[in-house]
Amino acid sequence: MDITIQEAQQQVDEWICTTGVRYFNELTNLGILVEETGELARIMVRKYGEQSFKESDEHKDLADEMADVLWVLLCLANQTGVNLTEALQKNFEKKTKRDAERHKENKKLI
């Protein structure tokens, strides 16, 4: 099932308002975002970096950890009135304008 970012924001809001009772406050969700990002980092450094897996990490799912990060980010966007579709489009424009030649000229990337 493919969904747009806008649809994801709406679905998270519906879930929070029905199953989740209410949003945690913004600062709590920011802390949760940092926690979830740390869990994602833990899996990444073990799967793609030099650290070895601990027994407690072996069954963690990378996609699930990424989805946890996205979930909390969607919550924060909803709480703060950010339309992530518009924000992402503006971010693409900013990066395209700013980095139009920058990466092509970066000898480290060639």
PDB file of N, CA and C in Angstrom:
ATOM      1  N   MET A   1       0.842  -1.185   0.000  1.00  0.00           N
ATOM      2  CA  MET A   1       0.000   0.000   0.000  1.00  0.00           C
ATOM      3  C   MET A   1       0.883   1.242   0.000  1.00  0.00           C
ATOM      4  N   ASP A   2       0.869   1.991  -1.079  1.00  0.00           N
ATOM      5  CA  ASP A   2       1.605   3.245  -1.149  1.00  0.00           C
ATOM      6  C   ASP A   2       0.728   4.368  -0.615  1.00  0.00           C
ATOM      7  N   ILE A   3       1.324   5.215   0.222  1.00  0.00           N
ATOM      8  CA  ILE A   3       0.603   6.386   0.720  1.00  0.00           C
ATOM      9  C   ILE A   3       1.493   7.612   0.560  1.00  0.00           C
ATOM     10  N   THR A   4       0.843   8.744   0.409  1.00  0.00           N
ATOM     11  CA  THR A   4       1.591   9.994   0.312  1.00  0.00           C
ATOM     12  C   THR A   4       1.999  10.439   1.724  1.00  0.00           C
ATOM     13  N   ILE A   5       2.865  11.408   1.777  1.00  0.00           N
ATOM     14  CA  ILE A   5       3.261  11.959   3.077  1.00  0.00           C
ATOM     15  C   ILE A   5       2.038  12.573   3.764  1.00  0.00           C
ATOM     16  N   GLN A   6       1.234  13.275   2.991  1.00  0.00           N
ATOM     17  CA  GLN A   6       0.015  13.889   3.553  1.00  0.00           C
ATOM     18  C   GLN A   6      -0.911  12.818   4.128  1.00  0.00           C
ATOM     19  N   GLU A   7      -1.090  11.732   3.389  1.00  0.00           N
ATOM     20  CA  GLU A   7      -1.929  10.643   3.886  1.00  0.00           C
ATOM     21  C   GLU A   7      -1.333  10.025   5.155  1.00  0.00           C
ATOM     22  N   ALA A   8      -0.011   9.916   5.198  1.00  0.00           N
ATOM     23  CA  ALA A   8       0.645   9.371   6.394  1.00  0.00           C
ATOM     24  C   ALA A   8       0.391  10.283   7.596  1.00  0.00           C
ATOM     25  N   GLN A   9       0.499  11.581   7.386  1.00  0.00           N
ATOM     26  CA  GLN A   9       0.210  12.518   8.485  1.00  0.00           C
ATOM     27  C   GLN A   9      -1.230  12.352   8.962  1.00  0.00           C
ATOM     28  N   GLN A  10      -2.155  12.209   8.031  1.00  0.00           N
ATOM     29  CA  GLN A  10      -3.560  12.046   8.388  1.00  0.00           C
ATOM     30  C   GLN A  10      -3.795  10.730   9.123  1.00  0.00           C
ATOM     31  N   GLN A  11      -3.189   9.656   8.644  1.00  0.00           N
ATOM     32  CA  GLN A  11      -3.382   8.357   9.285  1.00  0.00           C
ATOM     33  C   GLN A  11      -2.795   8.323  10.691  1.00  0.00           C
ATOM     34  N   VAL A  12      -1.641   8.942  10.876  1.00  0.00           N
ATOM     35  CA  VAL A  12      -1.058   9.015  12.215  1.00  0.00           C
ATOM     36  C   VAL A  12      -1.984   9.809  13.129  1.00  0.00           C
ATOM     37  N   ASP A  13      -2.512  10.913  12.635  1.00  0.00           N
ATOM     38  CA  ASP A  13      -3.413  11.730  13.451  1.00  0.00           C
ATOM     39  C   ASP A  13      -4.664  10.947  13.835  1.00  0.00           C
ATOM     40  N   GLU A  14      -5.232  10.226  12.880  1.00  0.00           N
ATOM     41  CA  GLU A  14      -6.417   9.410  13.178  1.00  0.00           C
ATOM     42  C   GLU A  14      -6.098   8.343  14.222  1.00  0.00           C
ATOM     43  N   TRP A  15      -4.942   7.706  14.089  1.00  0.00           N
ATOM     44  CA  TRP A  15      -4.554   6.669  15.044  1.00  0.00           C
ATOM     45  C   TRP A  15      -4.363   7.268  16.429  1.00  0.00           C
ATOM     46  N   ILE A  16      -3.680   8.397  16.496  1.00  0.00           N
ATOM     47  CA  ILE A  16      -3.439   9.045  17.795  1.00  0.00           C
ATOM     48  C   ILE A  16      -4.767   9.415  18.446  1.00  0.00           C
ATOM     49  N   CYS A  17      -5.685   9.964  17.675  1.00  0.00           N
ATOM     50  CA  CYS A  17      -6.958  10.439  18.234  1.00  0.00           C
ATOM     51  C   CYS A  17      -7.912   9.306  18.608  1.00  0.00           C
ATOM     52  N   THR A  18      -7.705   8.111  18.081  1.00  0.00           N
ATOM     53  CA  THR A  18      -8.599   6.998  18.410  1.00  0.00           C
ATOM     54  C   THR A  18      -7.923   5.987  19.328  1.00  0.00           C
ATOM     55  N   THR A  19      -6.811   5.444  18.893  1.00  0.00           N
ATOM     56  CA  THR A  19      -6.127   4.394  19.646  1.00  0.00           C
ATOM     57  C   THR A  19      -5.154   4.970  20.673  1.00  0.00           C
ATOM     58  N   GLY A  20      -4.466   6.018  20.303  1.00  0.00           N
ATOM     59  CA  GLY A  20      -3.427   6.579  21.165  1.00  0.00           C
ATOM     60  C   GLY A  20      -3.927   7.540  22.229  1.00  0.00           C
ATOM     61  N   VAL A  21      -5.190   7.844  22.243  1.00  0.00           N
ATOM     62  CA  VAL A  21      -5.864   8.761  23.173  1.00  0.00           C
ATOM     63  C   VAL A  21      -5.517  10.212  22.874  1.00  0.00           C
ATOM     64  N   ARG A  22      -4.229  10.577  22.916  1.00  0.00           N
ATOM     65  CA  ARG A  22      -3.805  11.947  22.598  1.00  0.00           C
ATOM     66  C   ARG A  22      -2.323  11.929  22.285  1.00  0.00           C
ATOM     67  N   TYR A  23      -1.852  13.026  21.692  1.00  0.00           N
ATOM     68  CA  TYR A  23      -0.427  13.168  21.432  1.00  0.00           C
ATOM     69  C   TYR A  23       0.306  13.385  22.751  1.00  0.00           C
ATOM     70  N   PHE A  24       1.517  12.829  22.862  1.00  0.00           N
ATOM     71  CA  PHE A  24       2.417  13.274  23.926  1.00  0.00           C
ATOM     72  C   PHE A  24       2.771  14.720  23.607  1.00  0.00           C
ATOM     73  N   ASN A  25       3.202  15.487  24.595  1.00  0.00           N
ATOM     74  CA  ASN A  25       3.544  16.875  24.264  1.00  0.00           C
ATOM     75  C   ASN A  25       4.771  16.919  23.352  1.00  0.00           C
ATOM     76  N   GLU A  26       4.981  18.072  22.755  1.00  0.00           N
ATOM     77  CA  GLU A  26       6.019  18.211  21.737  1.00  0.00           C
ATOM     78  C   GLU A  26       7.418  17.870  22.268  1.00  0.00           C
ATOM     79  N   LEU A  27       7.727  18.297  23.470  1.00  0.00           N
ATOM     80  CA  LEU A  27       9.056  17.997  24.016  1.00  0.00           C
ATOM     81  C   LEU A  27       9.224  16.512  24.311  1.00  0.00           C
ATOM     82  N   THR A  28       8.167  15.874  24.780  1.00  0.00           N
ATOM     83  CA  THR A  28       8.235  14.421  24.988  1.00  0.00           C
ATOM     84  C   THR A  28       8.469  13.728  23.653  1.00  0.00           C
ATOM     85  N   ASN A  29       7.735  14.150  22.621  1.00  0.00           N
ATOM     86  CA  ASN A  29       7.924  13.528  21.307  1.00  0.00           C
ATOM     87  C   ASN A  29       9.312  13.812  20.737  1.00  0.00           C
ATOM     88  N   LEU A  30       9.863  14.971  21.027  1.00  0.00           N
ATOM     89  CA  LEU A  30      11.231  15.240  20.594  1.00  0.00           C
ATOM     90  C   LEU A  30      12.194  14.256  21.253  1.00  0.00           C
ATOM     91  N   GLY A  31      12.006  14.012  22.541  1.00  0.00           N
ATOM     92  CA  GLY A  31      12.832  13.028  23.237  1.00  0.00           C
ATOM     93  C   GLY A  31      12.660  11.637  22.659  1.00  0.00           C
ATOM     94  N   ILE A  32      11.423  11.283  22.335  1.00  0.00           N
ATOM     95  CA  ILE A  32      11.157   9.975  21.735  1.00  0.00           C
ATOM     96  C   ILE A  32      11.824   9.879  20.362  1.00  0.00           C
ATOM     97  N   LEU A  33      11.799  10.979  19.598  1.00  0.00           N
ATOM     98  CA  LEU A  33      12.453  10.996  18.290  1.00  0.00           C
ATOM     99  C   LEU A  33      13.953  10.732  18.439  1.00  0.00           C
ATOM    100  N   VAL A  34      14.562  11.353  19.423  1.00  0.00           N
ATOM    101  CA  VAL A  34      15.989  11.131  19.663  1.00  0.00           C
ATOM    102  C   VAL A  34      16.242   9.678  20.058  1.00  0.00           C
ATOM    103  N   GLU A  35      15.387   9.143  20.922  1.00  0.00           N
ATOM    104  CA  GLU A  35      15.507   7.728  21.315  1.00  0.00           C
ATOM    105  C   GLU A  35      15.412   6.806  20.104  1.00  0.00           C
ATOM    106  N   GLU A  36      14.397   7.022  19.295  1.00  0.00           N
ATOM    107  CA  GLU A  36      14.186   6.156  18.125  1.00  0.00           C
ATOM    108  C   GLU A  36      15.327   6.296  17.127  1.00  0.00           C
ATOM    109  N   THR A  37      15.844   7.510  16.970  1.00  0.00           N
ATOM    110  CA  THR A  37      16.986   7.722  16.087  1.00  0.00           C
ATOM    111  C   THR A  37      18.206   6.978  16.613  1.00  0.00           C
ATOM    112  N   GLY A  38      18.363   6.958  17.928  1.00  0.00           N
ATOM    113  CA  GLY A  38      19.456   6.202  18.530  1.00  0.00           C
ATOM    114  C   GLY A  38      19.323   4.716  18.279  1.00  0.00           C
ATOM    115  N   GLU A  39      18.101   4.207  18.351  1.00  0.00           N
ATOM    116  CA  GLU A  39      17.883   2.782  18.069  1.00  0.00           C
ATOM    117  C   GLU A  39      18.204   2.465  16.612  1.00  0.00           C
ATOM    118  N   LEU A  40      17.831   3.365  15.721  1.00  0.00           N
ATOM    119  CA  LEU A  40      18.164   3.192  14.305  1.00  0.00           C
ATOM    120  C   LEU A  40      19.680   3.213  14.119  1.00  0.00           C
ATOM    121  N   ALA A  41      20.339   4.155  14.765  1.00  0.00           N
ATOM    122  CA  ALA A  41      21.797   4.253  14.653  1.00  0.00           C
ATOM    123  C   ALA A  41      22.465   2.980  15.166  1.00  0.00           C
ATOM    124  N   ARG A  42      21.947   2.440  16.248  1.00  0.00           N
ATOM    125  CA  ARG A  42      22.511   1.221  16.828  1.00  0.00           C
ATOM    126  C   ARG A  42      22.514   0.077  15.811  1.00  0.00           C
ATOM    127  N   ILE A  43      21.398  -0.076  15.099  1.00  0.00           N
ATOM    128  CA  ILE A  43      21.301  -1.142  14.101  1.00  0.00           C
ATOM    129  C   ILE A  43      22.220  -0.841  12.906  1.00  0.00           C
ATOM    130  N   MET A  44      22.233   0.417  12.469  1.00  0.00           N
ATOM    131  CA  MET A  44      23.064   0.798  11.322  1.00  0.00           C
ATOM    132  C   MET A  44      24.548   0.544  11.585  1.00  0.00           C
ATOM    133  N   VAL A  45      25.041   0.932  12.773  1.00  0.00           N
ATOM    134  CA  VAL A  45      26.473   0.765  13.035  1.00  0.00           C
ATOM    135  C   VAL A  45      26.844  -0.708  13.200  1.00  0.00           C
ATOM    136  N   ARG A  46      25.883  -1.522  13.534  1.00  0.00           N
ATOM    137  CA  ARG A  46      26.163  -2.950  13.647  1.00  0.00           C
ATOM    138  C   ARG A  46      26.059  -3.646  12.294  1.00  0.00           C
ATOM    139  N   LYS A  47      25.101  -3.205  11.490  1.00  0.00           N
ATOM    140  CA  LYS A  47      24.916  -3.846  10.183  1.00  0.00           C
ATOM    141  C   LYS A  47      25.920  -3.336   9.149  1.00  0.00           C
ATOM    142  N   TYR A  48      26.204  -2.037   9.154  1.00  0.00           N
ATOM    143  CA  TYR A  48      27.059  -1.450   8.124  1.00  0.00           C
ATOM    144  C   TYR A  48      28.391  -0.925   8.660  1.00  0.00           C
ATOM    145  N   GLY A  49      28.507  -0.793   9.965  1.00  0.00           N
ATOM    146  CA  GLY A  49      29.739  -0.298  10.568  1.00  0.00           C
ATOM    147  C   GLY A  49      30.575  -1.422  11.131  1.00  0.00           C
ATOM    148  N   GLU A  50      31.475  -1.059  12.016  1.00  0.00           N
ATOM    149  CA  GLU A  50      32.429  -2.029  12.540  1.00  0.00           C
ATOM    150  C   GLU A  50      31.967  -2.742  13.807  1.00  0.00           C
ATOM    151  N   GLN A  51      30.916  -2.243  14.442  1.00  0.00           N
ATOM    152  CA  GLN A  51      30.483  -2.896  15.675  1.00  0.00           C
ATOM    153  C   GLN A  51      29.786  -4.217  15.383  1.00  0.00           C
ATOM    154  N   SER A  52      29.973  -5.165  16.292  1.00  0.00           N
ATOM    155  CA  SER A  52      29.314  -6.455  16.139  1.00  0.00           C
ATOM    156  C   SER A  52      27.960  -6.412  16.846  1.00  0.00           C
ATOM    157  N   PHE A  53      27.075  -7.283  16.402  1.00  0.00           N
ATOM    158  CA  PHE A  53      25.752  -7.366  17.004  1.00  0.00           C
ATOM    159  C   PHE A  53      25.840  -7.976  18.396  1.00  0.00           C
ATOM    160  N   LYS A  54      25.093  -7.408  19.310  1.00  0.00           N
ATOM    161  CA  LYS A  54      24.899  -8.025  20.614  1.00  0.00           C
ATOM    162  C   LYS A  54      23.685  -8.937  20.477  1.00  0.00           C
ATOM    163  N   GLU A  55      23.580  -9.881  21.346  1.00  0.00           N
ATOM    164  CA  GLU A  55      22.458 -10.821  21.280  1.00  0.00           C
ATOM    165  C   GLU A  55      21.120 -10.083  21.285  1.00  0.00           C
ATOM    166  N   SER A  56      21.029  -9.010  22.064  1.00  0.00           N
ATOM    167  CA  SER A  56      19.773  -8.264  22.171  1.00  0.00           C
ATOM    168  C   SER A  56      19.438  -7.481  20.896  1.00  0.00           C
ATOM    169  N   ASP A  57      20.418  -7.281  20.018  1.00  0.00           N
ATOM    170  CA  ASP A  57      20.203  -6.511  18.794  1.00  0.00           C
ATOM    171  C   ASP A  57      19.952  -7.378  17.565  1.00  0.00           C
ATOM    172  N   GLU A  58      20.231  -8.640  17.651  1.00  0.00           N
ATOM    173  CA  GLU A  58      20.247  -9.492  16.465  1.00  0.00           C
ATOM    174  C   GLU A  58      18.916  -9.594  15.740  1.00  0.00           C
ATOM    175  N   HIS A  59      17.825  -9.429  16.437  1.00  0.00           N
ATOM    176  CA  HIS A  59      16.515  -9.592  15.806  1.00  0.00           C
ATOM    177  C   HIS A  59      15.820  -8.261  15.556  1.00  0.00           C
ATOM    178  N   LYS A  60      16.557  -7.166  15.706  1.00  0.00           N
ATOM    179  CA  LYS A  60      15.983  -5.852  15.423  1.00  0.00           C
ATOM    180  C   LYS A  60      15.864  -5.681  13.917  1.00  0.00           C
ATOM    181  N   ASP A  61      14.791  -5.037  13.501  1.00  0.00           N
ATOM    182  CA  ASP A  61      14.496  -4.863  12.087  1.00  0.00           C
ATOM    183  C   ASP A  61      14.781  -3.423  11.673  1.00  0.00           C
ATOM    184  N   LEU A  62      15.693  -3.250  10.735  1.00  0.00           N
ATOM    185  CA  LEU A  62      16.090  -1.923  10.280  1.00  0.00           C
ATOM    186  C   LEU A  62      14.893  -1.121   9.770  1.00  0.00           C
ATOM    187  N   ALA A  63      14.053  -1.728   8.959  1.00  0.00           N
ATOM    188  CA  ALA A  63      12.892  -1.031   8.399  1.00  0.00           C
ATOM    189  C   ALA A  63      11.942  -0.580   9.507  1.00  0.00           C
ATOM    190  N   ASP A  64      11.740  -1.426  10.504  1.00  0.00           N
ATOM    191  CA  ASP A  64      10.864  -1.072  11.623  1.00  0.00           C
ATOM    192  C   ASP A  64      11.431   0.101  12.403  1.00  0.00           C
ATOM    193  N   GLU A  65      12.749   0.120  12.588  1.00  0.00           N
ATOM    194  CA  GLU A  65      13.374   1.237  13.311  1.00  0.00           C
ATOM    195  C   GLU A  65      13.232   2.537  12.517  1.00  0.00           C
ATOM    196  N   MET A  66      13.374   2.457  11.197  1.00  0.00           N
ATOM    197  CA  MET A  66      13.172   3.644  10.354  1.00  0.00           C
ATOM    198  C   MET A  66      11.732   4.120  10.432  1.00  0.00           C
ATOM    199  N   ALA A  67      10.802   3.180  10.426  1.00  0.00           N
ATOM    200  CA  ALA A  67       9.378   3.533  10.516  1.00  0.00           C
ATOM    201  C   ALA A  67       9.066   4.192  11.858  1.00  0.00           C
ATOM    202  N   ASP A  68       9.715   3.740  12.937  1.00  0.00           N
ATOM    203  CA  ASP A  68       9.517   4.378  14.246  1.00  0.00           C
ATOM    204  C   ASP A  68       9.951   5.838  14.213  1.00  0.00           C
ATOM    205  N   VAL A  69      11.093   6.112  13.577  1.00  0.00           N
ATOM    206  CA  VAL A  69      11.577   7.490  13.449  1.00  0.00           C
ATOM    207  C   VAL A  69      10.577   8.318  12.650  1.00  0.00           C
ATOM    208  N   LEU A  70      10.114   7.766  11.534  1.00  0.00           N
ATOM    209  CA  LEU A  70       9.152   8.477  10.682  1.00  0.00           C
ATOM    210  C   LEU A  70       7.855   8.743  11.429  1.00  0.00           C
ATOM    211  N   TRP A  71       7.373   7.771  12.184  1.00  0.00           N
ATOM    212  CA  TRP A  71       6.136   7.916  12.951  1.00  0.00           C
ATOM    213  C   TRP A  71       6.206   9.124  13.881  1.00  0.00           C
ATOM    214  N   VAL A  72       7.273   9.204  14.647  1.00  0.00           N
ATOM    215  CA  VAL A  72       7.385  10.301  15.617  1.00  0.00           C
ATOM    216  C   VAL A  72       7.563  11.631  14.896  1.00  0.00           C
ATOM    217  N   LEU A  73       8.287  11.631  13.785  1.00  0.00           N
ATOM    218  CA  LEU A  73       8.430  12.854  13.000  1.00  0.00           C
ATOM    219  C   LEU A  73       7.074  13.314  12.469  1.00  0.00           C
ATOM    220  N   LEU A  74       6.254  12.381  12.023  1.00  0.00           N
ATOM    221  CA  LEU A  74       4.901  12.714  11.567  1.00  0.00           C
ATOM    222  C   LEU A  74       4.069  13.279  12.719  1.00  0.00           C
ATOM    223  N   CYS A  75       4.218  12.702  13.892  1.00  0.00           N
ATOM    224  CA  CYS A  75       3.516  13.237  15.067  1.00  0.00           C
ATOM    225  C   CYS A  75       3.922  14.684  15.329  1.00  0.00           C
ATOM    226  N   LEU A  76       5.223  14.944  15.331  1.00  0.00           N
ATOM    227  CA  LEU A  76       5.707  16.301  15.581  1.00  0.00           C
ATOM    228  C   LEU A  76       5.224  17.279  14.520  1.00  0.00           C
ATOM    229  N   ALA A  77       5.202  16.839  13.274  1.00  0.00           N
ATOM    230  CA  ALA A  77       4.693  17.702  12.204  1.00  0.00           C
ATOM    231  C   ALA A  77       3.229  18.038  12.444  1.00  0.00           C
ATOM    232  N   ASN A  78       2.435  17.033  12.788  1.00  0.00           N
ATOM    233  CA  ASN A  78       1.018  17.270  13.066  1.00  0.00           C
ATOM    234  C   ASN A  78       0.847  18.239  14.225  1.00  0.00           C
ATOM    235  N   GLN A  79       1.606  18.038  15.277  1.00  0.00           N
ATOM    236  CA  GLN A  79       1.459  18.864  16.477  1.00  0.00           C
ATOM    237  C   GLN A  79       1.853  20.315  16.249  1.00  0.00           C
ATOM    238  N   THR A  80       2.812  20.530  15.356  1.00  0.00           N
ATOM    239  CA  THR A  80       3.328  21.881  15.159  1.00  0.00           C
ATOM    240  C   THR A  80       2.778  22.548  13.901  1.00  0.00           C
ATOM    241  N   GLY A  81       1.848  21.874  13.233  1.00  0.00           N
ATOM    242  CA  GLY A  81       1.204  22.456  12.059  1.00  0.00           C
ATOM    243  C   GLY A  81       2.072  22.477  10.813  1.00  0.00           C
ATOM    244  N   VAL A  82       3.051  21.584  10.743  1.00  0.00           N
ATOM    245  CA  VAL A  82       3.928  21.521   9.569  1.00  0.00           C
ATOM    246  C   VAL A  82       3.339  20.557   8.548  1.00  0.00           C
ATOM    247  N   ASN A  83       3.188  21.043   7.325  1.00  0.00           N
ATOM    248  CA  ASN A  83       2.796  20.197   6.202  1.00  0.00           C
ATOM    249  C   ASN A  83       4.085  19.637   5.624  1.00  0.00           C
ATOM    250  N   LEU A  84       4.364  18.379   5.897  1.00  0.00           N
ATOM    251  CA  LEU A  84       5.636  17.798   5.470  1.00  0.00           C
ATOM    252  C   LEU A  84       5.762  17.686   3.955  1.00  0.00           C
ATOM    253  N   THR A  85       4.659  17.575   3.238  1.00  0.00           N
ATOM    254  CA  THR A  85       4.718  17.541   1.774  1.00  0.00           C
ATOM    255  C   THR A  85       5.283  18.856   1.263  1.00  0.00           C
ATOM    256  N   GLU A  86       4.710  19.960   1.726  1.00  0.00           N
ATOM    257  CA  GLU A  86       5.198  21.286   1.318  1.00  0.00           C
ATOM    258  C   GLU A  86       6.627  21.513   1.785  1.00  0.00           C
ATOM    259  N   ALA A  87       6.919  21.126   3.015  1.00  0.00           N
ATOM    260  CA  ALA A  87       8.260  21.327   3.558  1.00  0.00           C
ATOM    261  C   ALA A  87       9.302  20.559   2.752  1.00  0.00           C
ATOM    262  N   LEU A  88       8.986  19.327   2.361  1.00  0.00           N
ATOM    263  CA  LEU A  88       9.922  18.526   1.580  1.00  0.00           C
ATOM    264  C   LEU A  88      10.115  19.118   0.188  1.00  0.00           C
ATOM    265  N   GLN A  89       9.030  19.597  -0.423  1.00  0.00           N
ATOM    266  CA  GLN A  89       9.148  20.220  -1.743  1.00  0.00           C
ATOM    267  C   GLN A  89      10.049  21.451  -1.673  1.00  0.00           C
ATOM    268  N   LYS A  90       9.862  22.284  -0.646  1.00  0.00           N
ATOM    269  CA  LYS A  90      10.707  23.473  -0.471  1.00  0.00           C
ATOM    270  C   LYS A  90      12.153  23.068  -0.203  1.00  0.00           C
ATOM    271  N   ASN A  91      12.343  21.984   0.525  1.00  0.00           N
ATOM    272  CA  ASN A  91      13.689  21.513   0.832  1.00  0.00           C
ATOM    273  C   ASN A  91      14.395  21.040  -0.434  1.00  0.00           C
ATOM    274  N   PHE A  92      13.670  20.350  -1.321  1.00  0.00           N
ATOM    275  CA  PHE A  92      14.242  19.943  -2.604  1.00  0.00           C
ATOM    276  C   PHE A  92      14.686  21.170  -3.402  1.00  0.00           C
ATOM    277  N   GLU A  93      13.824  22.194  -3.432  1.00  0.00           N
ATOM    278  CA  GLU A  93      14.153  23.422  -4.164  1.00  0.00           C
ATOM    279  C   GLU A  93      15.401  24.078  -3.591  1.00  0.00           C
ATOM    280  N   LYS A  94      15.472  24.167  -2.274  1.00  0.00           N
ATOM    281  CA  LYS A  94      16.619  24.775  -1.602  1.00  0.00           C
ATOM    282  C   LYS A  94      17.903  24.015  -1.930  1.00  0.00           C
ATOM    283  N   LYS A  95      17.856  22.712  -1.790  1.00  0.00           N
ATOM    284  CA  LYS A  95      19.047  21.898  -2.034  1.00  0.00           C
ATOM    285  C   LYS A  95      19.459  21.940  -3.512  1.00  0.00           C
ATOM    286  N   THR A  96      18.487  21.926  -4.411  1.00  0.00           N
ATOM    287  CA  THR A  96      18.786  21.958  -5.843  1.00  0.00           C
ATOM    288  C   THR A  96      19.473  23.263  -6.209  1.00  0.00           C
ATOM    289  N   LYS A  97      18.966  24.360  -5.680  1.00  0.00           N
ATOM    290  CA  LYS A  97      19.557  25.665  -5.965  1.00  0.00           C
ATOM    291  C   LYS A  97      20.941  25.783  -5.325  1.00  0.00           C
ATOM    292  N   ARG A  98      21.044  25.417  -4.080  1.00  0.00           N
ATOM    293  CA  ARG A  98      22.289  25.564  -3.329  1.00  0.00           C
ATOM    294  C   ARG A  98      23.370  24.617  -3.829  1.00  0.00           C
ATOM    295  N   ASP A  99      22.987  23.403  -4.170  1.00  0.00           N
ATOM    296  CA  ASP A  99      23.965  22.361  -4.475  1.00  0.00           C
ATOM    297  C   ASP A  99      24.018  21.992  -5.956  1.00  0.00           C
ATOM    298  N   ALA A 100      23.543  22.893  -6.822  1.00  0.00           N
ATOM    299  CA  ALA A 100      23.452  22.586  -8.253  1.00  0.00           C
ATOM    300  C   ALA A 100      24.774  22.075  -8.820  1.00  0.00           C
ATOM    301  N   GLU A 101      25.884  22.638  -8.414  1.00  0.00           N
ATOM    302  CA  GLU A 101      27.187  22.214  -8.927  1.00  0.00           C
ATOM    303  C   GLU A 101      28.091  21.668  -7.830  1.00  0.00           C
ATOM    304  N   ARG A 102      27.747  21.927  -6.602  1.00  0.00           N
ATOM    305  CA  ARG A 102      28.620  21.602  -5.470  1.00  0.00           C
ATOM    306  C   ARG A 102      29.057  20.134  -5.444  1.00  0.00           C
ATOM    307  N   HIS A 103      28.123  19.227  -5.547  1.00  0.00           N
ATOM    308  CA  HIS A 103      28.461  17.807  -5.446  1.00  0.00           C
ATOM    309  C   HIS A 103      29.175  17.298  -6.700  1.00  0.00           C
ATOM    310  N   LYS A 104      28.830  17.852  -7.852  1.00  0.00           N
ATOM    311  CA  LYS A 104      29.494  17.455  -9.103  1.00  0.00           C
ATOM    312  C   LYS A 104      30.971  17.841  -9.083  1.00  0.00           C
ATOM    313  N   GLU A 105      31.288  18.909  -8.353  1.00  0.00           N
ATOM    314  CA  GLU A 105      32.673  19.400  -8.292  1.00  0.00           C
ATOM    315  C   GLU A 105      33.434  18.862  -7.093  1.00  0.00           C
ATOM    316  N   ASN A 106      32.795  18.048  -6.278  1.00  0.00           N
ATOM    317  CA  ASN A 106      33.430  17.497  -5.070  1.00  0.00           C
ATOM    318  C   ASN A 106      34.295  16.318  -5.464  1.00  0.00           C
ATOM    319  N   LYS A 107      35.593  16.499  -5.395  1.00  0.00           N
ATOM    320  CA  LYS A 107      36.535  15.437  -5.780  1.00  0.00           C
ATOM    321  C   LYS A 107      36.400  14.198  -4.896  1.00  0.00           C
ATOM    322  N   LYS A 108      35.888  14.370  -3.707  1.00  0.00           N
ATOM    323  CA  LYS A 108      35.715  13.232  -2.805  1.00  0.00           C
ATOM    324  C   LYS A 108      34.605  12.290  -3.279  1.00  0.00           C
ATOM    325  N   LEU A 109      33.713  12.789  -4.118  1.00  0.00           N
ATOM    326  CA  LEU A 109      32.582  11.979  -4.592  1.00  0.00           C
ATOM    327  C   LEU A 109      32.854  11.337  -5.953  1.00  0.00           C
ATOM    328  N   ILE A 110      33.917  11.733  -6.579  1.00  0.00           N
ATOM    329  CA  ILE A 110      34.206  11.231  -7.933  1.00  0.00           C
ATOM    330  C   ILE A 110      35.052   9.982  -7.855  1.00  0.00           C
TER     331      ILE A 110
END
